[in-house]
N, C-alpha and C. Protein backbone atom coordinates (compact mmCIF):
# COMPACT_ATOMS: atom_id res chain seq x y z
N UNK A 1 18.89 -20.51 22.56
CA UNK A 1 18.38 -19.52 21.62
C UNK A 1 17.62 -20.25 20.52
N UNK A 2 16.49 -19.70 20.14
CA UNK A 2 15.68 -20.30 19.08
C UNK A 2 16.24 -19.96 17.71
N UNK A 3 16.11 -20.90 16.81
CA UNK A 3 16.45 -20.65 15.42
C UNK A 3 15.17 -20.28 14.69
N UNK A 4 15.28 -19.37 13.77
CA UNK A 4 14.10 -18.92 13.03
C UNK A 4 14.33 -19.14 11.54
N UNK A 5 13.36 -19.77 10.91
CA UNK A 5 13.40 -19.94 9.46
C UNK A 5 12.72 -18.73 8.83
N UNK A 6 13.42 -18.04 7.95
CA UNK A 6 12.90 -16.82 7.35
C UNK A 6 12.71 -17.01 5.86
N UNK A 7 11.54 -16.62 5.38
CA UNK A 7 11.23 -16.63 3.95
C UNK A 7 11.60 -15.25 3.41
N UNK A 8 12.64 -15.17 2.57
CA UNK A 8 13.09 -13.88 2.06
C UNK A 8 12.66 -13.69 0.62
N UNK A 9 12.29 -12.44 0.32
CA UNK A 9 11.95 -12.06 -1.05
C UNK A 9 12.70 -10.78 -1.36
N UNK A 10 12.96 -10.54 -2.62
CA UNK A 10 13.59 -9.28 -3.00
C UNK A 10 13.04 -8.82 -4.34
N UNK A 11 13.37 -7.61 -4.67
CA UNK A 11 13.00 -6.99 -5.95
C UNK A 11 11.51 -6.73 -6.11
N UNK A 12 10.77 -6.67 -5.01
CA UNK A 12 9.36 -6.34 -5.11
C UNK A 12 9.20 -4.82 -5.19
N UNK A 13 8.19 -4.38 -5.90
CA UNK A 13 7.91 -2.96 -6.00
C UNK A 13 6.72 -2.63 -5.12
N UNK A 14 6.91 -1.65 -4.25
CA UNK A 14 5.84 -1.14 -3.41
C UNK A 14 5.49 0.25 -3.91
N UNK A 15 4.25 0.43 -4.22
CA UNK A 15 3.73 1.72 -4.67
C UNK A 15 3.05 2.34 -3.46
N UNK A 16 3.69 3.34 -2.87
CA UNK A 16 3.22 3.94 -1.63
C UNK A 16 2.50 5.25 -1.94
N UNK A 17 1.26 5.35 -1.51
CA UNK A 17 0.47 6.57 -1.70
C UNK A 17 0.16 7.12 -0.31
N UNK A 18 0.68 8.31 0.00
CA UNK A 18 0.44 8.94 1.29
C UNK A 18 -0.61 10.02 1.11
N UNK A 19 -1.61 9.99 1.98
CA UNK A 19 -2.76 10.89 1.88
C UNK A 19 -2.89 11.67 3.19
N UNK A 20 -3.09 12.98 3.09
CA UNK A 20 -3.38 13.82 4.26
C UNK A 20 -4.89 13.98 4.35
N UNK A 21 -5.44 13.69 5.52
CA UNK A 21 -6.90 13.69 5.69
C UNK A 21 -7.32 14.49 6.92
N UNK A 22 -8.47 15.12 6.81
CA UNK A 22 -9.14 15.62 8.00
C UNK A 22 -9.88 14.43 8.60
N UNK A 23 -9.87 14.34 9.90
CA UNK A 23 -10.52 13.20 10.57
C UNK A 23 -11.99 13.08 10.18
N UNK A 24 -12.64 14.21 9.92
CA UNK A 24 -14.08 14.19 9.61
C UNK A 24 -14.40 13.47 8.30
N UNK A 25 -13.47 13.43 7.36
CA UNK A 25 -13.75 12.74 6.09
C UNK A 25 -13.18 11.34 6.02
N UNK A 26 -12.46 10.93 7.07
CA UNK A 26 -11.83 9.61 7.03
C UNK A 26 -12.81 8.47 6.77
N UNK A 27 -13.97 8.41 7.45
CA UNK A 27 -14.89 7.29 7.18
C UNK A 27 -15.33 7.23 5.72
N UNK A 28 -15.65 8.37 5.13
CA UNK A 28 -16.05 8.41 3.71
C UNK A 28 -14.89 7.97 2.82
N UNK A 29 -13.70 8.47 3.12
CA UNK A 29 -12.51 8.13 2.33
C UNK A 29 -12.23 6.62 2.39
N UNK A 30 -12.28 6.06 3.61
CA UNK A 30 -11.98 4.64 3.77
C UNK A 30 -13.01 3.77 3.05
N UNK A 31 -14.27 4.14 3.13
CA UNK A 31 -15.31 3.40 2.41
C UNK A 31 -15.07 3.46 0.91
N UNK A 32 -14.74 4.63 0.40
CA UNK A 32 -14.43 4.79 -1.03
C UNK A 32 -13.25 3.91 -1.42
N UNK A 33 -12.20 3.92 -0.62
CA UNK A 33 -11.01 3.13 -0.94
C UNK A 33 -11.35 1.64 -0.96
N UNK A 34 -12.05 1.16 0.07
CA UNK A 34 -12.37 -0.26 0.18
C UNK A 34 -13.35 -0.74 -0.88
N UNK A 35 -14.38 0.05 -1.13
CA UNK A 35 -15.48 -0.40 -1.98
C UNK A 35 -15.34 -0.03 -3.45
N UNK A 36 -14.50 0.95 -3.76
CA UNK A 36 -14.43 1.45 -5.13
C UNK A 36 -13.00 1.48 -5.68
N UNK A 37 -12.16 2.29 -5.07
CA UNK A 37 -10.84 2.56 -5.65
C UNK A 37 -9.92 1.33 -5.66
N UNK A 38 -9.76 0.69 -4.52
CA UNK A 38 -8.86 -0.47 -4.46
C UNK A 38 -9.36 -1.62 -5.34
N UNK A 39 -10.65 -1.95 -5.36
CA UNK A 39 -11.09 -2.99 -6.31
C UNK A 39 -10.77 -2.64 -7.77
N UNK A 40 -10.88 -1.38 -8.14
CA UNK A 40 -10.53 -0.98 -9.51
C UNK A 40 -9.03 -1.15 -9.77
N UNK A 41 -8.22 -0.84 -8.78
CA UNK A 41 -6.77 -1.03 -8.92
C UNK A 41 -6.45 -2.52 -9.09
N UNK A 42 -7.09 -3.38 -8.31
CA UNK A 42 -6.85 -4.82 -8.43
C UNK A 42 -7.39 -5.39 -9.72
N UNK A 43 -8.43 -4.79 -10.26
CA UNK A 43 -8.99 -5.26 -11.53
C UNK A 43 -8.01 -5.08 -12.69
N UNK A 44 -7.00 -4.24 -12.52
CA UNK A 44 -5.98 -4.05 -13.57
C UNK A 44 -5.08 -5.27 -13.70
N UNK A 45 -5.00 -6.10 -12.66
CA UNK A 45 -4.12 -7.26 -12.68
C UNK A 45 -2.67 -6.92 -12.42
N UNK A 46 -2.40 -5.70 -11.99
CA UNK A 46 -1.02 -5.24 -11.81
C UNK A 46 -0.51 -5.34 -10.38
N UNK A 47 -1.39 -5.62 -9.42
CA UNK A 47 -0.99 -5.66 -8.02
C UNK A 47 -1.48 -6.94 -7.36
N UNK A 48 -0.72 -7.38 -6.33
CA UNK A 48 -1.05 -8.63 -5.65
C UNK A 48 -1.49 -8.44 -4.21
N UNK A 49 -1.38 -7.24 -3.68
CA UNK A 49 -1.78 -7.00 -2.30
C UNK A 49 -1.68 -5.53 -1.95
N UNK A 50 -2.17 -5.21 -0.76
CA UNK A 50 -2.10 -3.83 -0.29
C UNK A 50 -2.17 -3.78 1.23
N UNK A 51 -1.78 -2.64 1.80
CA UNK A 51 -1.93 -2.34 3.22
C UNK A 51 -2.38 -0.89 3.33
N UNK A 52 -3.24 -0.62 4.28
CA UNK A 52 -3.59 0.76 4.62
C UNK A 52 -3.10 0.98 6.05
N UNK A 53 -2.24 1.99 6.24
CA UNK A 53 -1.65 2.26 7.54
C UNK A 53 -1.82 3.72 7.92
N UNK A 54 -2.21 3.97 9.16
CA UNK A 54 -2.23 5.34 9.66
C UNK A 54 -0.82 5.66 10.14
N UNK A 55 -0.31 6.81 9.75
CA UNK A 55 1.03 7.22 10.16
C UNK A 55 0.96 7.64 11.63
N UNK A 56 1.84 7.07 12.45
CA UNK A 56 1.83 7.28 13.90
C UNK A 56 2.21 8.71 14.27
N UNK A 57 1.86 9.07 15.50
CA UNK A 57 2.21 10.37 16.08
C UNK A 57 1.60 11.55 15.34
N UNK A 58 0.40 11.37 14.88
CA UNK A 58 -0.31 12.45 14.20
C UNK A 58 -1.39 13.00 15.12
N UNK A 59 -1.88 14.19 14.81
CA UNK A 59 -2.95 14.80 15.60
C UNK A 59 -4.26 14.05 15.37
N UNK A 60 -5.26 14.35 16.19
CA UNK A 60 -6.55 13.70 16.03
C UNK A 60 -7.45 14.43 15.05
N UNK A 61 -7.15 15.69 14.74
CA UNK A 61 -7.96 16.45 13.79
C UNK A 61 -7.57 16.17 12.35
N UNK A 62 -6.30 16.10 12.10
CA UNK A 62 -5.77 15.80 10.77
C UNK A 62 -4.73 14.71 10.92
N UNK A 63 -4.68 13.81 9.97
CA UNK A 63 -3.66 12.78 10.03
C UNK A 63 -3.35 12.30 8.63
N UNK A 64 -2.33 11.48 8.55
CA UNK A 64 -1.89 10.94 7.26
C UNK A 64 -2.03 9.44 7.25
N UNK A 65 -2.35 8.93 6.08
CA UNK A 65 -2.52 7.50 5.86
C UNK A 65 -1.61 7.10 4.71
N UNK A 66 -0.95 5.97 4.84
CA UNK A 66 -0.15 5.42 3.75
C UNK A 66 -0.87 4.18 3.22
N UNK A 67 -1.07 4.15 1.92
CA UNK A 67 -1.63 2.97 1.26
C UNK A 67 -0.49 2.38 0.44
N UNK A 68 -0.13 1.15 0.74
CA UNK A 68 0.96 0.48 0.02
C UNK A 68 0.38 -0.64 -0.83
N UNK A 69 0.68 -0.55 -2.11
CA UNK A 69 0.25 -1.58 -3.07
C UNK A 69 1.49 -2.37 -3.47
N UNK A 70 1.35 -3.69 -3.58
CA UNK A 70 2.46 -4.56 -3.94
C UNK A 70 2.31 -4.97 -5.40
N UNK A 71 3.19 -4.47 -6.25
CA UNK A 71 3.11 -4.76 -7.68
C UNK A 71 3.46 -6.21 -7.95
N UNK A 72 2.80 -6.79 -8.95
CA UNK A 72 3.09 -8.17 -9.35
C UNK A 72 4.54 -8.27 -9.80
N UNK A 73 4.98 -7.35 -10.63
CA UNK A 73 6.37 -7.26 -11.08
C UNK A 73 6.57 -5.88 -11.70
N UNK A 74 7.80 -5.60 -12.10
CA UNK A 74 8.11 -4.27 -12.64
C UNK A 74 7.36 -3.98 -13.94
N UNK A 75 7.22 -4.97 -14.79
CA UNK A 75 6.50 -4.77 -16.05
C UNK A 75 5.04 -4.43 -15.80
N UNK A 76 4.40 -5.14 -14.89
CA UNK A 76 2.99 -4.84 -14.55
C UNK A 76 2.86 -3.44 -13.96
N UNK A 77 3.85 -3.05 -13.14
CA UNK A 77 3.79 -1.71 -12.57
C UNK A 77 3.89 -0.64 -13.66
N UNK A 78 4.75 -0.86 -14.63
CA UNK A 78 4.87 0.08 -15.76
C UNK A 78 3.55 0.16 -16.53
N UNK A 79 2.92 -0.97 -16.73
CA UNK A 79 1.61 -0.99 -17.41
C UNK A 79 0.60 -0.19 -16.60
N UNK A 80 0.59 -0.40 -15.28
CA UNK A 80 -0.34 0.33 -14.43
C UNK A 80 -0.14 1.85 -14.56
N UNK A 81 1.11 2.29 -14.43
CA UNK A 81 1.36 3.74 -14.46
C UNK A 81 1.04 4.35 -15.82
N UNK A 82 1.24 3.60 -16.89
CA UNK A 82 0.99 4.14 -18.24
C UNK A 82 -0.48 4.07 -18.64
N UNK A 83 -1.13 2.95 -18.32
CA UNK A 83 -2.48 2.72 -18.85
C UNK A 83 -3.62 3.01 -17.88
N UNK A 84 -3.39 2.85 -16.59
CA UNK A 84 -4.50 2.91 -15.64
C UNK A 84 -4.42 4.07 -14.63
N UNK A 85 -3.23 4.38 -14.17
CA UNK A 85 -3.08 5.37 -13.10
C UNK A 85 -3.68 6.73 -13.42
N UNK A 86 -3.46 7.29 -14.61
CA UNK A 86 -4.01 8.64 -14.87
C UNK A 86 -5.52 8.73 -14.67
N UNK A 87 -6.27 7.78 -15.18
CA UNK A 87 -7.73 7.83 -15.04
C UNK A 87 -8.17 7.61 -13.59
N UNK A 88 -7.51 6.68 -12.89
CA UNK A 88 -7.87 6.42 -11.49
C UNK A 88 -7.53 7.62 -10.61
N UNK A 89 -6.40 8.26 -10.87
CA UNK A 89 -6.03 9.45 -10.10
C UNK A 89 -6.99 10.60 -10.38
N UNK A 90 -7.40 10.75 -11.63
CA UNK A 90 -8.36 11.80 -11.99
C UNK A 90 -9.69 11.58 -11.27
N UNK A 91 -10.13 10.34 -11.23
CA UNK A 91 -11.37 9.98 -10.53
C UNK A 91 -11.26 10.30 -9.03
N UNK A 92 -10.11 9.98 -8.45
CA UNK A 92 -9.87 10.25 -7.03
C UNK A 92 -9.93 11.76 -6.75
N UNK A 93 -9.26 12.55 -7.57
CA UNK A 93 -9.25 14.01 -7.39
C UNK A 93 -10.65 14.59 -7.57
N UNK A 94 -11.40 14.06 -8.52
CA UNK A 94 -12.78 14.53 -8.72
C UNK A 94 -13.64 14.26 -7.48
N UNK A 95 -13.37 13.17 -6.80
CA UNK A 95 -14.15 12.81 -5.61
C UNK A 95 -13.74 13.62 -4.38
N UNK A 96 -12.42 13.77 -4.16
CA UNK A 96 -11.95 14.38 -2.92
C UNK A 96 -11.28 15.74 -3.08
N UNK A 97 -10.84 16.08 -4.27
CA UNK A 97 -10.21 17.37 -4.50
C UNK A 97 -9.06 17.62 -3.54
N UNK A 98 -9.04 18.82 -2.95
CA UNK A 98 -7.96 19.19 -2.05
C UNK A 98 -8.20 18.73 -0.61
N UNK A 99 -9.32 18.06 -0.34
CA UNK A 99 -9.59 17.61 1.03
C UNK A 99 -8.82 16.34 1.41
N UNK A 100 -8.25 15.65 0.43
CA UNK A 100 -7.46 14.44 0.70
C UNK A 100 -6.33 14.34 -0.31
N UNK A 101 -5.39 15.31 -0.29
CA UNK A 101 -4.31 15.28 -1.27
C UNK A 101 -3.40 14.07 -1.07
N UNK A 102 -2.89 13.56 -2.18
CA UNK A 102 -2.04 12.37 -2.14
C UNK A 102 -0.72 12.64 -2.83
N UNK A 103 0.34 12.03 -2.33
CA UNK A 103 1.60 12.01 -3.07
C UNK A 103 2.10 10.58 -3.11
N UNK A 104 2.81 10.28 -4.15
CA UNK A 104 3.17 8.90 -4.45
C UNK A 104 4.68 8.69 -4.43
N UNK A 105 5.07 7.52 -3.94
CA UNK A 105 6.47 7.13 -3.89
C UNK A 105 6.57 5.69 -4.37
N UNK A 106 7.55 5.41 -5.20
CA UNK A 106 7.79 4.04 -5.66
C UNK A 106 9.00 3.51 -4.90
N UNK A 107 8.83 2.38 -4.25
CA UNK A 107 9.90 1.77 -3.47
C UNK A 107 10.28 0.43 -4.10
N UNK A 108 11.58 0.21 -4.24
CA UNK A 108 12.09 -1.08 -4.70
C UNK A 108 12.62 -1.81 -3.47
N UNK A 109 11.94 -2.86 -3.06
CA UNK A 109 12.35 -3.62 -1.88
C UNK A 109 13.66 -4.35 -2.17
N UNK A 110 14.67 -4.08 -1.37
CA UNK A 110 15.94 -4.78 -1.52
C UNK A 110 15.87 -6.16 -0.91
N UNK A 111 15.19 -6.25 0.22
CA UNK A 111 14.97 -7.54 0.86
C UNK A 111 13.76 -7.42 1.77
N UNK A 112 13.03 -8.49 1.87
CA UNK A 112 11.83 -8.53 2.68
C UNK A 112 11.78 -9.92 3.29
N UNK A 113 11.45 -10.03 4.54
CA UNK A 113 11.40 -11.35 5.16
C UNK A 113 10.24 -11.49 6.11
N UNK A 114 9.89 -12.72 6.37
CA UNK A 114 8.86 -13.02 7.35
C UNK A 114 9.21 -14.34 8.01
N UNK A 115 8.82 -14.47 9.24
CA UNK A 115 9.07 -15.72 9.96
C UNK A 115 8.07 -16.76 9.48
N UNK A 116 8.58 -17.89 9.03
CA UNK A 116 7.70 -18.96 8.59
C UNK A 116 7.63 -20.10 9.61
N UNK A 117 8.64 -20.22 10.44
CA UNK A 117 8.60 -21.21 11.51
C UNK A 117 9.72 -20.94 12.49
N UNK A 118 9.50 -21.38 13.70
CA UNK A 118 10.55 -21.31 14.70
C UNK A 118 10.99 -22.73 15.01
N UNK A 119 12.28 -22.92 15.06
CA UNK A 119 12.84 -24.25 15.28
C UNK A 119 13.48 -24.27 16.67
N UNK A 120 12.97 -25.11 17.54
CA UNK A 120 13.55 -25.24 18.87
C UNK A 120 14.88 -25.99 18.73
N UNK A 121 15.91 -25.50 19.39
CA UNK A 121 17.19 -26.22 19.33
C UNK A 121 17.09 -27.57 20.02
N UNK A 122 17.85 -28.53 19.53
CA UNK A 122 17.83 -29.86 20.14
C UNK A 122 18.49 -29.79 21.51
N UNK A 123 17.95 -30.55 22.43
CA UNK A 123 18.49 -30.58 23.80
C UNK A 123 19.28 -31.87 23.97
N UNK A 124 20.57 -31.77 23.95
CA UNK A 124 21.42 -32.96 24.08
C UNK A 124 21.82 -33.19 25.50
């Protein structure tokens, strides 16, 4: 059996934004997120990474997307929600209105791990 070295982290905050989309507006929405919205979020200095994921088992006409942002720390996340989020959310609603409604969830990661190396057992 192989041994696996795991890099564990805890206490990270994930800011999850789930969006319901019609397939017809997805290309416009994704371009907006990549070229405008996400760069503005990163310009705040409050986040260190993100993922955009399509939620599985959805129809082809309408589907949901989860955008997960990784906060630098809890203090930075509080700064983001107090100082930056209202204006960015208002801008998003002005652009998409009810055609791409979003709801937000804050997740506190209890533990997170990734494989950093696999160690072959010694053969004696």
